[in-house]
Amino acid sequence: MATEVTINDLENAIAEGKFVVDVREDHEFEAGHVPNAHHIPLSTVADRTAELPQDEQIWLICQGGVRSMKAADYLLAQGFDVVSVAGGTGAWIAAGKDVSFEASK
């Protein structure tokens, strides 16, 4: 099972330029997401692993933590170094952290 991290851990990771993937659906991502997130909906993760870095840790986030953990467990089994953000974007927004509306990287 993949490791879970906090939104504060994610905030530090973003500041360090870590690779963040938001696995929510298009409309959720467009409504606001963590800064610098790449957008790969959960239903497309298996088909888009070539877009993911193999040589660095990947930080996965969704709305509440369930979908990102599913993605993390899948990617972990594929050999990726991943963590899932507990509480997800909902907790991020509730904590008053910066939200981006920019298109996916």
N, C-alpha and C. Protein backbone atom coordinates (compact mmCIF):
# COMPACT_ATOMS: atom_id res chain seq x y z
N MET A 1 0.84 -1.19 0.00
CA MET A 1 0.00 0.00 0.00
C MET A 1 0.89 1.25 0.00
N ALA A 2 0.49 2.23 -0.78
CA ALA A 2 1.25 3.47 -0.91
C ALA A 2 1.20 4.29 0.39
N THR A 3 2.17 5.15 0.55
CA THR A 3 2.27 6.03 1.70
C THR A 3 1.37 7.25 1.50
N GLU A 4 0.75 7.69 2.60
CA GLU A 4 -0.03 8.92 2.56
C GLU A 4 0.79 10.04 3.20
N VAL A 5 0.63 11.24 2.65
CA VAL A 5 1.30 12.43 3.16
C VAL A 5 0.24 13.49 3.44
N THR A 6 0.62 14.53 4.15
CA THR A 6 -0.31 15.60 4.50
C THR A 6 -0.29 16.71 3.46
N ILE A 7 -1.27 17.59 3.54
CA ILE A 7 -1.29 18.74 2.64
C ILE A 7 -0.12 19.67 2.94
N ASN A 8 0.35 19.70 4.18
CA ASN A 8 1.53 20.51 4.49
C ASN A 8 2.78 19.92 3.84
N ASP A 9 2.87 18.59 3.82
CA ASP A 9 3.97 17.94 3.10
C ASP A 9 3.91 18.30 1.62
N LEU A 10 2.69 18.29 1.06
CA LEU A 10 2.51 18.63 -0.34
C LEU A 10 2.92 20.08 -0.61
N GLU A 11 2.56 20.97 0.27
CA GLU A 11 2.92 22.38 0.09
C GLU A 11 4.43 22.54 -0.01
N ASN A 12 5.16 21.83 0.85
CA ASN A 12 6.62 21.86 0.79
C ASN A 12 7.14 21.24 -0.51
N ALA A 13 6.50 20.15 -0.93
CA ALA A 13 6.91 19.47 -2.16
C ALA A 13 6.71 20.37 -3.38
N ILE A 14 5.60 21.10 -3.41
CA ILE A 14 5.34 22.02 -4.52
C ILE A 14 6.41 23.10 -4.55
N ALA A 15 6.75 23.63 -3.37
CA ALA A 15 7.78 24.67 -3.28
C ALA A 15 9.13 24.15 -3.78
N GLU A 16 9.36 22.85 -3.64
CA GLU A 16 10.62 22.23 -4.09
C GLU A 16 10.55 21.77 -5.55
N GLY A 17 9.40 21.99 -6.20
CA GLY A 17 9.28 21.63 -7.61
C GLY A 17 9.00 20.16 -7.87
N LYS A 18 8.45 19.45 -6.88
CA LYS A 18 8.15 18.03 -7.06
C LYS A 18 7.05 17.82 -8.10
N PHE A 19 6.97 16.62 -8.66
CA PHE A 19 6.01 16.27 -9.70
C PHE A 19 4.67 15.90 -9.05
N VAL A 20 3.65 16.72 -9.27
CA VAL A 20 2.33 16.53 -8.67
C VAL A 20 1.33 16.18 -9.76
N VAL A 21 0.51 15.16 -9.49
CA VAL A 21 -0.52 14.75 -10.45
C VAL A 21 -1.88 14.78 -9.76
N ASP A 22 -2.81 15.50 -10.38
CA ASP A 22 -4.20 15.55 -9.92
C ASP A 22 -4.97 14.52 -10.74
N VAL A 23 -5.58 13.55 -10.07
CA VAL A 23 -6.27 12.46 -10.77
C VAL A 23 -7.78 12.65 -10.83
N ARG A 24 -8.25 13.85 -10.51
CA ARG A 24 -9.70 14.11 -10.57
C ARG A 24 -10.15 14.27 -12.03
N GLU A 25 -11.46 14.31 -12.21
CA GLU A 25 -12.04 14.48 -13.54
C GLU A 25 -11.82 15.90 -14.04
N ASP A 26 -12.00 16.10 -15.34
CA ASP A 26 -11.75 17.39 -15.98
C ASP A 26 -12.46 18.54 -15.28
N HIS A 27 -13.76 18.39 -15.05
CA HIS A 27 -14.52 19.50 -14.46
C HIS A 27 -14.04 19.83 -13.05
N GLU A 28 -13.57 18.85 -12.31
CA GLU A 28 -13.05 19.10 -10.96
C GLU A 28 -11.73 19.86 -11.04
N PHE A 29 -10.86 19.43 -11.93
CA PHE A 29 -9.57 20.08 -12.10
C PHE A 29 -9.76 21.53 -12.54
N GLU A 30 -10.65 21.76 -13.49
CA GLU A 30 -10.89 23.11 -13.99
C GLU A 30 -11.49 24.03 -12.93
N ALA A 31 -12.16 23.47 -11.93
CA ALA A 31 -12.76 24.27 -10.86
C ALA A 31 -11.72 24.74 -9.84
N GLY A 32 -10.49 24.26 -9.95
CA GLY A 32 -9.41 24.68 -9.07
C GLY A 32 -8.60 23.49 -8.58
N HIS A 33 -7.28 23.69 -8.57
CA HIS A 33 -6.38 22.59 -8.19
C HIS A 33 -5.13 23.16 -7.51
N VAL A 34 -4.32 22.29 -6.96
CA VAL A 34 -3.09 22.75 -6.33
C VAL A 34 -2.16 23.30 -7.42
N PRO A 35 -1.36 24.29 -7.09
CA PRO A 35 -0.47 24.89 -8.08
C PRO A 35 0.49 23.86 -8.71
N ASN A 36 0.75 24.06 -9.99
CA ASN A 36 1.72 23.27 -10.75
C ASN A 36 1.35 21.80 -10.95
N ALA A 37 0.09 21.45 -10.73
CA ALA A 37 -0.32 20.05 -10.88
C ALA A 37 -0.46 19.67 -12.35
N HIS A 38 -0.04 18.46 -12.65
CA HIS A 38 -0.30 17.84 -13.94
C HIS A 38 -1.65 17.15 -13.81
N HIS A 39 -2.42 17.13 -14.87
CA HIS A 39 -3.76 16.54 -14.80
C HIS A 39 -3.82 15.23 -15.57
N ILE A 40 -4.00 14.15 -14.84
CA ILE A 40 -4.18 12.83 -15.44
C ILE A 40 -5.32 12.15 -14.69
N PRO A 41 -6.56 12.21 -15.22
CA PRO A 41 -7.68 11.59 -14.52
C PRO A 41 -7.42 10.11 -14.20
N LEU A 42 -7.95 9.66 -13.08
CA LEU A 42 -7.72 8.29 -12.62
C LEU A 42 -8.01 7.27 -13.71
N SER A 43 -9.09 7.48 -14.46
CA SER A 43 -9.47 6.50 -15.49
C SER A 43 -8.45 6.39 -16.63
N THR A 44 -7.50 7.33 -16.71
CA THR A 44 -6.50 7.31 -17.78
C THR A 44 -5.09 7.02 -17.29
N VAL A 45 -4.91 6.85 -15.99
CA VAL A 45 -3.57 6.66 -15.43
C VAL A 45 -2.84 5.48 -16.08
N ALA A 46 -3.51 4.34 -16.18
CA ALA A 46 -2.85 3.14 -16.74
C ALA A 46 -2.38 3.36 -18.18
N ASP A 47 -3.10 4.18 -18.94
CA ASP A 47 -2.74 4.44 -20.33
C ASP A 47 -1.72 5.56 -20.49
N ARG A 48 -1.44 6.29 -19.41
CA ARG A 48 -0.58 7.47 -19.53
C ARG A 48 0.69 7.40 -18.67
N THR A 49 1.08 6.20 -18.28
CA THR A 49 2.27 6.07 -17.43
C THR A 49 3.54 6.57 -18.12
N ALA A 50 3.56 6.60 -19.44
CA ALA A 50 4.74 7.09 -20.16
C ALA A 50 4.97 8.59 -19.90
N GLU A 51 3.94 9.29 -19.45
CA GLU A 51 4.05 10.72 -19.14
C GLU A 51 4.63 10.98 -17.75
N LEU A 52 4.81 9.93 -16.98
CA LEU A 52 5.25 10.07 -15.59
C LEU A 52 6.76 9.84 -15.46
N PRO A 53 7.40 10.61 -14.60
CA PRO A 53 8.84 10.42 -14.40
C PRO A 53 9.14 9.11 -13.67
N GLN A 54 10.14 8.41 -14.14
CA GLN A 54 10.54 7.15 -13.49
C GLN A 54 11.64 7.39 -12.45
N ASP A 55 12.25 8.57 -12.49
CA ASP A 55 13.41 8.84 -11.65
C ASP A 55 13.16 9.82 -10.52
N GLU A 56 11.90 10.12 -10.23
CA GLU A 56 11.59 10.99 -9.10
C GLU A 56 10.25 10.61 -8.49
N GLN A 57 10.03 11.04 -7.27
CA GLN A 57 8.80 10.73 -6.58
C GLN A 57 7.63 11.52 -7.19
N ILE A 58 6.49 10.86 -7.28
CA ILE A 58 5.27 11.46 -7.82
C ILE A 58 4.29 11.65 -6.67
N TRP A 59 3.74 12.85 -6.58
CA TRP A 59 2.77 13.20 -5.54
C TRP A 59 1.38 13.21 -6.18
N LEU A 60 0.49 12.34 -5.70
CA LEU A 60 -0.85 12.19 -6.28
C LEU A 60 -1.91 12.80 -5.37
N ILE A 61 -2.84 13.53 -6.00
CA ILE A 61 -3.92 14.16 -5.24
C ILE A 61 -5.23 14.02 -5.99
N CYS A 62 -6.32 13.93 -5.22
CA CYS A 62 -7.67 13.93 -5.80
C CYS A 62 -8.51 14.89 -4.96
N GLN A 63 -9.79 14.61 -4.79
CA GLN A 63 -10.63 15.49 -3.98
C GLN A 63 -10.52 15.19 -2.50
N GLY A 64 -10.52 13.90 -2.13
CA GLY A 64 -10.51 13.55 -0.71
C GLY A 64 -9.46 12.54 -0.30
N GLY A 65 -8.81 11.91 -1.25
CA GLY A 65 -7.74 10.97 -0.95
C GLY A 65 -7.98 9.54 -1.41
N VAL A 66 -9.20 9.21 -1.80
CA VAL A 66 -9.51 7.84 -2.20
C VAL A 66 -8.96 7.53 -3.59
N ARG A 67 -9.27 8.37 -4.57
CA ARG A 67 -8.81 8.12 -5.94
C ARG A 67 -7.29 8.22 -6.05
N SER A 68 -6.71 9.18 -5.33
CA SER A 68 -5.25 9.30 -5.40
C SER A 68 -4.57 8.08 -4.80
N MET A 69 -5.17 7.48 -3.78
CA MET A 69 -4.60 6.27 -3.19
C MET A 69 -4.74 5.10 -4.16
N LYS A 70 -5.86 5.02 -4.89
CA LYS A 70 -6.00 3.97 -5.91
C LYS A 70 -4.93 4.11 -6.98
N ALA A 71 -4.72 5.35 -7.43
CA ALA A 71 -3.69 5.60 -8.44
C ALA A 71 -2.31 5.28 -7.88
N ALA A 72 -2.08 5.67 -6.64
CA ALA A 72 -0.78 5.43 -6.01
C ALA A 72 -0.50 3.94 -5.88
N ASP A 73 -1.48 3.19 -5.44
CA ASP A 73 -1.28 1.74 -5.30
C ASP A 73 -0.99 1.10 -6.65
N TYR A 74 -1.71 1.53 -7.69
CA TYR A 74 -1.47 1.00 -9.04
C TYR A 74 -0.05 1.34 -9.50
N LEU A 75 0.32 2.61 -9.38
CA LEU A 75 1.63 3.04 -9.86
C LEU A 75 2.77 2.43 -9.04
N LEU A 76 2.56 2.25 -7.77
CA LEU A 76 3.55 1.59 -6.92
C LEU A 76 3.80 0.17 -7.44
N ALA A 77 2.74 -0.52 -7.80
CA ALA A 77 2.87 -1.88 -8.34
C ALA A 77 3.59 -1.90 -9.68
N GLN A 78 3.58 -0.77 -10.39
CA GLN A 78 4.27 -0.65 -11.67
C GLN A 78 5.72 -0.20 -11.50
N GLY A 79 6.14 0.01 -10.25
CA GLY A 79 7.53 0.38 -9.99
C GLY A 79 7.79 1.86 -9.80
N PHE A 80 6.74 2.68 -9.75
CA PHE A 80 6.92 4.11 -9.54
C PHE A 80 7.06 4.43 -8.05
N ASP A 81 7.76 5.51 -7.75
CA ASP A 81 7.90 6.03 -6.39
C ASP A 81 6.80 7.07 -6.22
N VAL A 82 5.78 6.74 -5.43
CA VAL A 82 4.60 7.60 -5.31
C VAL A 82 4.16 7.78 -3.86
N VAL A 83 3.45 8.88 -3.64
CA VAL A 83 2.74 9.12 -2.38
C VAL A 83 1.37 9.68 -2.72
N SER A 84 0.43 9.50 -1.81
CA SER A 84 -0.93 10.01 -1.98
C SER A 84 -1.19 11.06 -0.90
N VAL A 85 -1.85 12.14 -1.28
CA VAL A 85 -2.12 13.23 -0.34
C VAL A 85 -3.43 12.97 0.40
N ALA A 86 -3.34 12.73 1.70
CA ALA A 86 -4.52 12.50 2.54
C ALA A 86 -5.36 13.77 2.59
N GLY A 87 -6.66 13.62 2.45
CA GLY A 87 -7.56 14.77 2.51
C GLY A 87 -7.74 15.48 1.19
N GLY A 88 -6.79 15.31 0.29
CA GLY A 88 -6.89 15.82 -1.07
C GLY A 88 -7.10 17.31 -1.21
N THR A 89 -7.63 17.66 -2.38
CA THR A 89 -7.86 19.06 -2.72
C THR A 89 -8.88 19.70 -1.79
N GLY A 90 -9.82 18.92 -1.31
CA GLY A 90 -10.81 19.45 -0.35
C GLY A 90 -10.14 19.98 0.90
N ALA A 91 -9.20 19.22 1.45
CA ALA A 91 -8.47 19.65 2.64
C ALA A 91 -7.55 20.82 2.31
N TRP A 92 -6.96 20.79 1.13
CA TRP A 92 -6.08 21.88 0.68
C TRP A 92 -6.84 23.21 0.66
N ILE A 93 -8.02 23.20 0.03
CA ILE A 93 -8.83 24.41 -0.07
C ILE A 93 -9.34 24.83 1.30
N ALA A 94 -9.80 23.87 2.10
CA ALA A 94 -10.31 24.18 3.44
C ALA A 94 -9.24 24.83 4.32
N ALA A 95 -7.98 24.49 4.06
CA ALA A 95 -6.88 25.06 4.84
C ALA A 95 -6.48 26.46 4.33
N GLY A 96 -7.13 26.92 3.27
CA GLY A 96 -6.86 28.25 2.75
C GLY A 96 -5.59 28.35 1.92
N LYS A 97 -5.14 27.24 1.40
CA LYS A 97 -3.91 27.23 0.59
C LYS A 97 -4.21 27.70 -0.84
N ASP A 98 -3.17 28.12 -1.54
CA ASP A 98 -3.32 28.65 -2.90
C ASP A 98 -3.97 27.64 -3.83
N VAL A 99 -4.86 28.14 -4.67
CA VAL A 99 -5.55 27.33 -5.67
C VAL A 99 -5.26 27.92 -7.05
N SER A 100 -4.99 27.06 -7.99
CA SER A 100 -4.69 27.47 -9.36
C SER A 100 -5.86 27.12 -10.27
N PHE A 101 -6.04 27.93 -11.29
CA PHE A 101 -7.05 27.65 -12.31
C PHE A 101 -6.40 27.55 -13.68
N GLU A 102 -5.08 27.46 -13.70
CA GLU A 102 -4.33 27.33 -14.95
C GLU A 102 -4.52 25.95 -15.54
N ALA A 103 -4.34 25.85 -16.83
CA ALA A 103 -4.43 24.57 -17.51
C ALA A 103 -3.34 23.65 -17.02
N SER A 104 -3.53 22.37 -17.21
CA SER A 104 -2.56 21.36 -16.80
C SER A 104 -1.24 21.58 -17.50
N LYS A 105 -0.17 21.21 -16.81
CA LYS A 105 1.18 21.30 -17.40
C LYS A 105 1.34 20.22 -18.43
